[in-house]
Amino acid sequence: MAAKNRQTSGTPATALLSKEGVEFTVHTYDHDPAAASYGREAADVLGVEPERVFKTLVAEVDGTLTVAVVPVSGSLDLKALATAVGGKKAAMADPAAVTRTTGYVLGGVSPLGQRKALPTVVDETALLFDTMFCSAGKRGMEIELAPDELVRLTDAVVAEIGREG
């Protein structure tokens, strides 16, 4: 699974994967600014089941920015996220803080190659797949990689943090 579409400008996420020697594939598509859900758009355009495409959300758990990686087919369970990192309370983070801390724009936040390493939790369903999809760090660009590599590179906790529907 060598990286495709090398003519596409790289991102900190793809640079990290290349530096670490991780096998990955970059999938690009023309992002529709009117899309209601970036993750659903990626799944639809790439023809991949939504359970295999993951969105990167950033929440604040007891005052600490924390990354949650959950399937685009569902939503984030904030209480489960807090529990997964030993916290009490979680709320979605301020969008400006997310961009400032990760270096990515909303809708293009990758769990990889962020400006500042944040605690990360990957929903356990990611491990059901040989490969999963997540943002490559910009809208209209997804990375396909083995979920265990994502967990390793982000030093993530794996837990049940997603809710169906």
N, C-alpha and C. Protein backbone atom coordinates (compact mmCIF):
# COMPACT_ATOMS: atom_id res chain seq x y z
N MET A 1 0.83 -1.17 0.00
CA MET A 1 0.00 0.00 0.00
C MET A 1 0.88 1.25 0.00
N ALA A 2 1.61 1.48 -1.02
CA ALA A 2 2.48 2.65 -1.12
C ALA A 2 1.63 3.90 -1.31
N ALA A 3 2.17 5.02 -0.91
CA ALA A 3 1.43 6.28 -1.02
C ALA A 3 1.15 6.59 -2.48
N LYS A 4 -0.10 6.94 -2.76
CA LYS A 4 -0.51 7.33 -4.10
C LYS A 4 -0.63 8.85 -4.14
N ASN A 5 -0.82 9.35 -5.32
CA ASN A 5 -1.06 10.78 -5.49
C ASN A 5 0.05 11.63 -4.89
N ARG A 6 1.28 11.23 -5.12
CA ARG A 6 2.42 11.98 -4.57
C ARG A 6 2.47 13.41 -5.08
N GLN A 7 1.79 13.67 -6.23
CA GLN A 7 1.80 15.02 -6.76
C GLN A 7 1.01 15.97 -5.85
N THR A 8 0.16 15.42 -5.00
CA THR A 8 -0.58 16.23 -4.05
C THR A 8 0.38 16.71 -2.98
N SER A 9 0.26 17.97 -2.62
CA SER A 9 1.17 18.48 -1.60
C SER A 9 0.98 17.70 -0.31
N GLY A 10 2.09 17.43 0.35
CA GLY A 10 2.05 16.67 1.58
C GLY A 10 1.55 17.50 2.74
N THR A 11 1.34 16.83 3.84
CA THR A 11 0.91 17.46 5.07
C THR A 11 1.81 16.96 6.20
N PRO A 12 1.76 17.57 7.37
CA PRO A 12 2.54 17.03 8.48
C PRO A 12 2.20 15.56 8.76
N ALA A 13 0.94 15.18 8.54
CA ALA A 13 0.53 13.79 8.77
C ALA A 13 1.23 12.84 7.80
N THR A 14 1.22 13.18 6.52
CA THR A 14 1.86 12.29 5.54
C THR A 14 3.38 12.31 5.70
N ALA A 15 3.93 13.45 6.10
CA ALA A 15 5.38 13.52 6.35
C ALA A 15 5.76 12.60 7.50
N LEU A 16 4.97 12.59 8.56
CA LEU A 16 5.24 11.72 9.70
C LEU A 16 5.19 10.25 9.28
N LEU A 17 4.18 9.88 8.53
CA LEU A 17 4.05 8.49 8.08
C LEU A 17 5.23 8.07 7.22
N SER A 18 5.64 8.94 6.32
CA SER A 18 6.80 8.65 5.47
C SER A 18 8.07 8.51 6.30
N LYS A 19 8.27 9.44 7.23
CA LYS A 19 9.46 9.41 8.09
C LYS A 19 9.52 8.13 8.91
N GLU A 20 8.36 7.66 9.36
CA GLU A 20 8.29 6.46 10.20
C GLU A 20 8.27 5.16 9.38
N GLY A 21 8.24 5.29 8.06
CA GLY A 21 8.24 4.11 7.20
C GLY A 21 6.95 3.32 7.23
N VAL A 22 5.86 3.99 7.54
CA VAL A 22 4.55 3.34 7.62
C VAL A 22 3.94 3.25 6.22
N GLU A 23 3.36 2.09 5.91
CA GLU A 23 2.65 1.93 4.64
C GLU A 23 1.32 2.67 4.74
N PHE A 24 1.04 3.49 3.74
CA PHE A 24 -0.22 4.22 3.71
C PHE A 24 -0.55 4.60 2.28
N THR A 25 -1.82 4.92 2.07
CA THR A 25 -2.28 5.39 0.77
C THR A 25 -3.00 6.71 1.00
N VAL A 26 -2.71 7.69 0.16
CA VAL A 26 -3.41 8.97 0.21
C VAL A 26 -4.52 8.93 -0.84
N HIS A 27 -5.70 9.30 -0.42
CA HIS A 27 -6.86 9.38 -1.32
C HIS A 27 -7.31 10.83 -1.34
N THR A 28 -7.37 11.42 -2.52
CA THR A 28 -7.82 12.80 -2.63
C THR A 28 -9.13 12.86 -3.42
N TYR A 29 -9.88 13.90 -3.16
CA TYR A 29 -11.13 14.13 -3.87
C TYR A 29 -11.42 15.63 -3.82
N ASP A 30 -12.31 16.07 -4.70
CA ASP A 30 -12.69 17.47 -4.71
C ASP A 30 -13.71 17.71 -3.60
N HIS A 31 -13.26 18.42 -2.58
CA HIS A 31 -14.12 18.70 -1.43
C HIS A 31 -15.20 19.71 -1.81
N ASP A 32 -16.44 19.42 -1.42
CA ASP A 32 -17.56 20.33 -1.65
C ASP A 32 -17.74 21.19 -0.39
N PRO A 33 -17.48 22.50 -0.48
CA PRO A 33 -17.61 23.36 0.70
C PRO A 33 -19.00 23.34 1.32
N ALA A 34 -20.01 22.91 0.55
CA ALA A 34 -21.38 22.86 1.07
C ALA A 34 -21.68 21.54 1.78
N ALA A 35 -20.73 20.62 1.81
CA ALA A 35 -20.96 19.32 2.45
C ALA A 35 -21.30 19.51 3.92
N ALA A 36 -22.34 18.83 4.37
CA ALA A 36 -22.79 18.94 5.76
C ALA A 36 -21.84 18.22 6.71
N SER A 37 -21.25 17.13 6.24
CA SER A 37 -20.34 16.34 7.09
C SER A 37 -19.12 15.97 6.27
N TYR A 38 -17.95 16.44 6.70
CA TYR A 38 -16.72 16.16 5.96
C TYR A 38 -16.44 14.67 5.89
N GLY A 39 -16.62 13.96 6.99
CA GLY A 39 -16.35 12.53 7.03
C GLY A 39 -17.29 11.74 6.14
N ARG A 40 -18.59 12.05 6.21
CA ARG A 40 -19.57 11.37 5.35
C ARG A 40 -19.27 11.65 3.89
N GLU A 41 -18.88 12.89 3.60
CA GLU A 41 -18.52 13.25 2.23
C GLU A 41 -17.37 12.37 1.75
N ALA A 42 -16.35 12.21 2.58
CA ALA A 42 -15.19 11.38 2.21
C ALA A 42 -15.63 9.95 1.94
N ALA A 43 -16.45 9.39 2.83
CA ALA A 43 -16.91 8.00 2.65
C ALA A 43 -17.69 7.86 1.36
N ASP A 44 -18.60 8.79 1.10
CA ASP A 44 -19.42 8.73 -0.12
C ASP A 44 -18.58 8.86 -1.38
N VAL A 45 -17.73 9.87 -1.43
CA VAL A 45 -16.94 10.13 -2.63
C VAL A 45 -15.93 9.01 -2.89
N LEU A 46 -15.33 8.48 -1.82
CA LEU A 46 -14.33 7.42 -1.99
C LEU A 46 -14.95 6.04 -2.11
N GLY A 47 -16.27 5.93 -1.88
CA GLY A 47 -16.95 4.64 -2.00
C GLY A 47 -16.55 3.66 -0.91
N VAL A 48 -16.35 4.18 0.30
CA VAL A 48 -15.93 3.36 1.43
C VAL A 48 -17.05 3.37 2.47
N GLU A 49 -17.29 2.22 3.11
CA GLU A 49 -18.33 2.18 4.13
C GLU A 49 -17.98 3.17 5.26
N PRO A 50 -18.98 3.92 5.73
CA PRO A 50 -18.74 4.96 6.74
C PRO A 50 -18.14 4.43 8.05
N GLU A 51 -18.37 3.18 8.37
CA GLU A 51 -17.81 2.61 9.59
C GLU A 51 -16.28 2.51 9.54
N ARG A 52 -15.72 2.58 8.34
CA ARG A 52 -14.29 2.44 8.13
C ARG A 52 -13.58 3.78 7.97
N VAL A 53 -14.36 4.85 7.87
CA VAL A 53 -13.82 6.21 7.76
C VAL A 53 -13.99 6.88 9.12
N PHE A 54 -12.91 7.43 9.66
CA PHE A 54 -12.93 7.99 11.00
C PHE A 54 -12.71 9.49 10.98
N LYS A 55 -13.45 10.17 11.85
CA LYS A 55 -13.30 11.61 11.99
C LYS A 55 -12.47 11.89 13.23
N THR A 56 -11.73 12.98 13.17
CA THR A 56 -10.89 13.41 14.28
C THR A 56 -11.56 14.58 14.95
N LEU A 57 -11.94 14.38 16.20
CA LEU A 57 -12.59 15.43 16.98
C LEU A 57 -11.68 15.79 18.14
N VAL A 58 -11.75 17.03 18.57
CA VAL A 58 -10.94 17.45 19.71
C VAL A 58 -11.90 17.96 20.79
N ALA A 59 -11.75 17.37 21.96
CA ALA A 59 -12.56 17.76 23.11
C ALA A 59 -11.64 18.24 24.22
N GLU A 60 -12.23 18.86 25.20
CA GLU A 60 -11.49 19.27 26.38
C GLU A 60 -11.94 18.36 27.52
N VAL A 61 -11.00 17.59 28.07
CA VAL A 61 -11.31 16.70 29.19
C VAL A 61 -10.62 17.27 30.42
N ASP A 62 -11.43 17.71 31.37
CA ASP A 62 -10.91 18.32 32.59
C ASP A 62 -9.84 19.37 32.28
N GLY A 63 -10.09 20.17 31.24
CA GLY A 63 -9.20 21.26 30.89
C GLY A 63 -8.07 20.90 29.94
N THR A 64 -7.94 19.62 29.56
CA THR A 64 -6.87 19.18 28.66
C THR A 64 -7.44 18.83 27.29
N LEU A 65 -6.89 19.44 26.24
CA LEU A 65 -7.34 19.08 24.89
C LEU A 65 -7.00 17.61 24.64
N THR A 66 -7.98 16.89 24.12
CA THR A 66 -7.86 15.45 23.90
C THR A 66 -8.46 15.11 22.55
N VAL A 67 -7.76 14.28 21.78
CA VAL A 67 -8.20 13.88 20.45
C VAL A 67 -9.04 12.61 20.54
N ALA A 68 -10.16 12.60 19.83
CA ALA A 68 -11.02 11.43 19.73
C ALA A 68 -11.14 11.05 18.26
N VAL A 69 -10.92 9.78 17.95
CA VAL A 69 -11.01 9.30 16.58
C VAL A 69 -12.16 8.29 16.55
N VAL A 70 -13.26 8.68 15.88
CA VAL A 70 -14.47 7.87 15.87
C VAL A 70 -15.00 7.71 14.45
N PRO A 71 -15.77 6.64 14.20
CA PRO A 71 -16.32 6.44 12.85
C PRO A 71 -17.26 7.57 12.45
N VAL A 72 -17.24 7.94 11.18
CA VAL A 72 -18.13 9.00 10.70
C VAL A 72 -19.58 8.54 10.69
N SER A 73 -19.81 7.24 10.84
CA SER A 73 -21.17 6.71 10.86
C SER A 73 -21.88 6.98 12.19
N GLY A 74 -21.15 7.47 13.18
CA GLY A 74 -21.74 7.70 14.49
C GLY A 74 -21.31 9.02 15.07
N SER A 75 -21.32 9.07 16.41
CA SER A 75 -20.94 10.29 17.10
C SER A 75 -20.04 9.94 18.29
N LEU A 76 -19.49 10.97 18.88
CA LEU A 76 -18.59 10.82 20.02
C LEU A 76 -19.39 10.80 21.32
N ASP A 77 -19.09 9.84 22.17
CA ASP A 77 -19.66 9.78 23.52
C ASP A 77 -18.66 10.50 24.44
N LEU A 78 -18.97 11.74 24.80
CA LEU A 78 -18.04 12.56 25.58
C LEU A 78 -17.76 11.95 26.96
N LYS A 79 -18.75 11.35 27.57
CA LYS A 79 -18.55 10.73 28.88
C LYS A 79 -17.58 9.55 28.77
N ALA A 80 -17.73 8.75 27.72
CA ALA A 80 -16.83 7.61 27.50
C ALA A 80 -15.41 8.09 27.20
N LEU A 81 -15.28 9.22 26.48
CA LEU A 81 -13.96 9.79 26.20
C LEU A 81 -13.28 10.19 27.51
N ALA A 82 -14.01 10.89 28.36
CA ALA A 82 -13.45 11.32 29.64
C ALA A 82 -13.00 10.11 30.45
N THR A 83 -13.83 9.09 30.50
CA THR A 83 -13.50 7.87 31.25
C THR A 83 -12.24 7.21 30.68
N ALA A 84 -12.12 7.18 29.35
CA ALA A 84 -10.98 6.52 28.69
C ALA A 84 -9.64 7.13 29.07
N VAL A 85 -9.64 8.42 29.39
CA VAL A 85 -8.38 9.09 29.75
C VAL A 85 -8.30 9.41 31.25
N GLY A 86 -9.21 8.80 32.01
CA GLY A 86 -9.18 8.99 33.46
C GLY A 86 -9.71 10.32 33.92
N GLY A 87 -10.54 10.95 33.10
CA GLY A 87 -11.10 12.25 33.45
C GLY A 87 -12.52 12.15 33.94
N LYS A 88 -13.06 13.29 34.33
CA LYS A 88 -14.43 13.33 34.84
C LYS A 88 -15.40 13.95 33.84
N LYS A 89 -14.98 15.04 33.18
CA LYS A 89 -15.90 15.79 32.34
C LYS A 89 -15.26 16.15 31.00
N ALA A 90 -16.04 16.01 29.94
CA ALA A 90 -15.54 16.36 28.60
C ALA A 90 -16.56 17.23 27.88
N ALA A 91 -16.06 18.16 27.09
CA ALA A 91 -16.88 19.00 26.23
C ALA A 91 -16.09 19.26 24.96
N MET A 92 -16.78 19.54 23.89
CA MET A 92 -16.09 19.82 22.64
C MET A 92 -15.22 21.06 22.83
N ALA A 93 -14.03 21.03 22.22
CA ALA A 93 -13.07 22.13 22.37
C ALA A 93 -13.45 23.32 21.51
N ASP A 94 -12.95 24.47 21.91
CA ASP A 94 -13.13 25.70 21.14
C ASP A 94 -12.44 25.54 19.79
N PRO A 95 -13.14 25.81 18.69
CA PRO A 95 -12.55 25.63 17.36
C PRO A 95 -11.23 26.37 17.16
N ALA A 96 -11.12 27.59 17.68
CA ALA A 96 -9.87 28.34 17.52
C ALA A 96 -8.72 27.64 18.25
N ALA A 97 -9.01 27.08 19.41
CA ALA A 97 -7.98 26.36 20.17
C ALA A 97 -7.56 25.10 19.42
N VAL A 98 -8.51 24.45 18.76
CA VAL A 98 -8.20 23.24 17.99
C VAL A 98 -7.23 23.58 16.86
N THR A 99 -7.54 24.61 16.10
CA THR A 99 -6.68 25.01 14.98
C THR A 99 -5.31 25.46 15.47
N ARG A 100 -5.28 26.25 16.50
CA ARG A 100 -4.02 26.75 17.05
C ARG A 100 -3.14 25.60 17.57
N THR A 101 -3.73 24.64 18.25
CA THR A 101 -2.96 23.57 18.88
C THR A 101 -2.56 22.48 17.91
N THR A 102 -3.47 22.13 16.99
CA THR A 102 -3.16 21.02 16.06
C THR A 102 -2.43 21.49 14.81
N GLY A 103 -2.67 22.74 14.40
CA GLY A 103 -2.10 23.23 13.15
C GLY A 103 -2.96 22.91 11.94
N TYR A 104 -4.12 22.34 12.18
CA TYR A 104 -5.03 21.96 11.09
C TYR A 104 -6.33 22.75 11.18
N VAL A 105 -6.98 22.94 10.02
CA VAL A 105 -8.29 23.59 10.00
C VAL A 105 -9.37 22.56 10.29
N LEU A 106 -10.48 23.03 10.87
CA LEU A 106 -11.59 22.12 11.13
C LEU A 106 -12.05 21.49 9.82
N GLY A 107 -12.40 20.22 9.88
CA GLY A 107 -12.76 19.49 8.68
C GLY A 107 -11.55 18.87 8.02
N GLY A 108 -10.37 19.20 8.52
CA GLY A 108 -9.13 18.64 7.99
C GLY A 108 -8.16 18.29 9.10
N VAL A 109 -8.67 18.13 10.32
CA VAL A 109 -7.80 17.80 11.45
C VAL A 109 -7.42 16.33 11.35
N SER A 110 -6.14 16.08 11.32
CA SER A 110 -5.62 14.71 11.31
C SER A 110 -5.17 14.36 12.73
N PRO A 111 -5.32 13.10 13.11
CA PRO A 111 -4.79 12.70 14.41
C PRO A 111 -3.26 12.60 14.39
N LEU A 112 -2.68 12.67 13.21
CA LEU A 112 -1.23 12.52 13.02
C LEU A 112 -0.58 13.86 12.69
N GLY A 113 0.64 14.07 13.16
CA GLY A 113 1.42 15.23 12.77
C GLY A 113 0.90 16.54 13.32
N GLN A 114 0.26 16.51 14.46
CA GLN A 114 -0.24 17.74 15.06
C GLN A 114 0.92 18.55 15.64
N ARG A 115 0.73 19.87 15.71
CA ARG A 115 1.77 20.76 16.27
C ARG A 115 2.18 20.34 17.67
N LYS A 116 1.20 19.97 18.47
CA LYS A 116 1.45 19.57 19.85
C LYS A 116 0.83 18.19 20.04
N ALA A 117 1.60 17.26 20.56
CA ALA A 117 1.06 15.91 20.81
C ALA A 117 0.00 16.00 21.90
N LEU A 118 -1.19 15.52 21.59
CA LEU A 118 -2.30 15.55 22.54
C LEU A 118 -2.68 14.12 22.92
N PRO A 119 -3.22 13.94 24.12
CA PRO A 119 -3.74 12.61 24.45
C PRO A 119 -4.75 12.21 23.38
N THR A 120 -4.70 10.97 22.94
CA THR A 120 -5.55 10.51 21.85
C THR A 120 -6.25 9.22 22.23
N VAL A 121 -7.52 9.12 21.85
CA VAL A 121 -8.30 7.90 22.05
C VAL A 121 -8.89 7.52 20.70
N VAL A 122 -8.66 6.26 20.30
CA VAL A 122 -9.19 5.73 19.05
C VAL A 122 -10.32 4.76 19.40
N ASP A 123 -11.46 4.94 18.75
CA ASP A 123 -12.57 4.02 19.01
C ASP A 123 -12.17 2.60 18.64
N GLU A 124 -12.55 1.67 19.50
CA GLU A 124 -12.15 0.27 19.35
C GLU A 124 -12.59 -0.36 18.04
N THR A 125 -13.61 0.19 17.39
CA THR A 125 -14.07 -0.41 16.13
C THR A 125 -13.03 -0.28 15.02
N ALA A 126 -12.09 0.65 15.17
CA ALA A 126 -11.04 0.80 14.15
C ALA A 126 -10.26 -0.51 13.99
N LEU A 127 -10.11 -1.25 15.09
CA LEU A 127 -9.31 -2.48 15.04
C LEU A 127 -10.02 -3.62 14.32
N LEU A 128 -11.27 -3.41 13.94
CA LEU A 128 -12.00 -4.44 13.19
C LEU A 128 -11.56 -4.51 11.73
N PHE A 129 -10.83 -3.49 11.27
CA PHE A 129 -10.46 -3.38 9.86
C PHE A 129 -8.96 -3.55 9.65
N ASP A 130 -8.60 -4.11 8.49
CA ASP A 130 -7.18 -4.20 8.12
C ASP A 130 -6.62 -2.81 7.91
N THR A 131 -7.42 -1.96 7.26
CA THR A 131 -7.04 -0.56 7.07
C THR A 131 -8.26 0.31 7.39
N MET A 132 -7.96 1.51 7.81
CA MET A 132 -8.99 2.50 8.12
C MET A 132 -8.63 3.79 7.41
N PHE A 133 -9.55 4.73 7.38
CA PHE A 133 -9.32 6.02 6.76
C PHE A 133 -9.45 7.10 7.82
N CYS A 134 -8.58 8.11 7.74
CA CYS A 134 -8.69 9.30 8.58
C CYS A 134 -8.14 10.47 7.79
N SER A 135 -8.38 11.66 8.29
CA SER A 135 -7.94 12.85 7.57
C SER A 135 -6.42 12.89 7.44
N ALA A 136 -6.00 13.33 6.28
CA ALA A 136 -4.56 13.50 6.02
C ALA A 136 -4.09 14.88 6.43
N GLY A 137 -5.00 15.72 6.89
CA GLY A 137 -4.60 17.05 7.34
C GLY A 137 -5.11 18.19 6.50
N LYS A 138 -5.98 17.88 5.54
CA LYS A 138 -6.64 18.94 4.81
C LYS A 138 -7.94 18.38 4.25
N ARG A 139 -8.88 19.26 4.03
CA ARG A 139 -10.17 18.84 3.47
C ARG A 139 -9.94 18.26 2.08
N GLY A 140 -10.61 17.14 1.81
CA GLY A 140 -10.48 16.50 0.51
C GLY A 140 -9.28 15.57 0.40
N MET A 141 -8.70 15.20 1.54
CA MET A 141 -7.51 14.34 1.53
C MET A 141 -7.59 13.38 2.72
N GLU A 142 -7.62 12.09 2.43
CA GLU A 142 -7.71 11.05 3.46
C GLU A 142 -6.50 10.13 3.38
N ILE A 143 -6.12 9.59 4.52
CA ILE A 143 -5.04 8.60 4.59
C ILE A 143 -5.69 7.25 4.90
N GLU A 144 -5.26 6.23 4.18
CA GLU A 144 -5.65 4.86 4.50
C GLU A 144 -4.44 4.19 5.10
N LEU A 145 -4.59 3.65 6.31
CA LEU A 145 -3.48 2.99 6.98
C LEU A 145 -4.00 1.93 7.94
N ALA A 146 -3.09 1.09 8.43
CA ALA A 146 -3.46 0.08 9.41
C ALA A 146 -3.79 0.77 10.73
N PRO A 147 -4.90 0.39 11.37
CA PRO A 147 -5.28 1.05 12.62
C PRO A 147 -4.22 0.92 13.72
N ASP A 148 -3.52 -0.20 13.77
CA ASP A 148 -2.50 -0.36 14.81
C ASP A 148 -1.35 0.63 14.63
N GLU A 149 -1.09 1.06 13.40
CA GLU A 149 -0.06 2.09 13.16
C GLU A 149 -0.53 3.44 13.68
N LEU A 150 -1.80 3.75 13.46
CA LEU A 150 -2.34 5.01 13.99
C LEU A 150 -2.25 5.01 15.51
N VAL A 151 -2.62 3.91 16.13
CA VAL A 151 -2.57 3.80 17.60
C VAL A 151 -1.13 3.97 18.08
N ARG A 152 -0.21 3.31 17.40
CA ARG A 152 1.21 3.37 17.81
C ARG A 152 1.76 4.80 17.68
N LEU A 153 1.53 5.43 16.53
CA LEU A 153 2.12 6.75 16.28
C LEU A 153 1.51 7.86 17.13
N THR A 154 0.29 7.69 17.58
CA THR A 154 -0.35 8.70 18.42
C THR A 154 -0.30 8.31 19.89
N ASP A 155 0.26 7.14 20.17
CA ASP A 155 0.31 6.61 21.54
C ASP A 155 -1.10 6.62 22.13
N ALA A 156 -2.06 6.18 21.33
CA ALA A 156 -3.47 6.27 21.68
C ALA A 156 -3.93 5.18 22.64
N VAL A 157 -4.95 5.52 23.39
CA VAL A 157 -5.74 4.57 24.15
C VAL A 157 -6.80 4.07 23.19
N VAL A 158 -7.10 2.78 23.22
CA VAL A 158 -8.20 2.24 22.41
C VAL A 158 -9.35 1.96 23.36
N ALA A 159 -10.51 2.53 23.07
CA ALA A 159 -11.67 2.38 23.95
C ALA A 159 -12.96 2.56 23.15
N GLU A 160 -14.05 2.18 23.76
CA GLU A 160 -15.36 2.35 23.15
C GLU A 160 -15.81 3.78 23.43
N ILE A 161 -15.58 4.67 22.45
CA ILE A 161 -15.95 6.09 22.63
C ILE A 161 -16.95 6.57 21.60
N GLY A 162 -17.29 5.71 20.64
CA GLY A 162 -18.24 6.09 19.61
C GLY A 162 -19.64 5.60 19.94
N ARG A 163 -20.62 6.32 19.43
CA ARG A 163 -22.02 5.92 19.53
C ARG A 163 -22.55 5.75 18.13
N GLU A 164 -23.37 4.74 17.92
CA GLU A 164 -23.96 4.52 16.60
C GLU A 164 -24.98 5.59 16.31
N GLY A 165 -25.11 5.85 14.98
CA GLY A 165 -26.15 6.79 14.55
C GLY A 165 -25.82 8.15 14.74
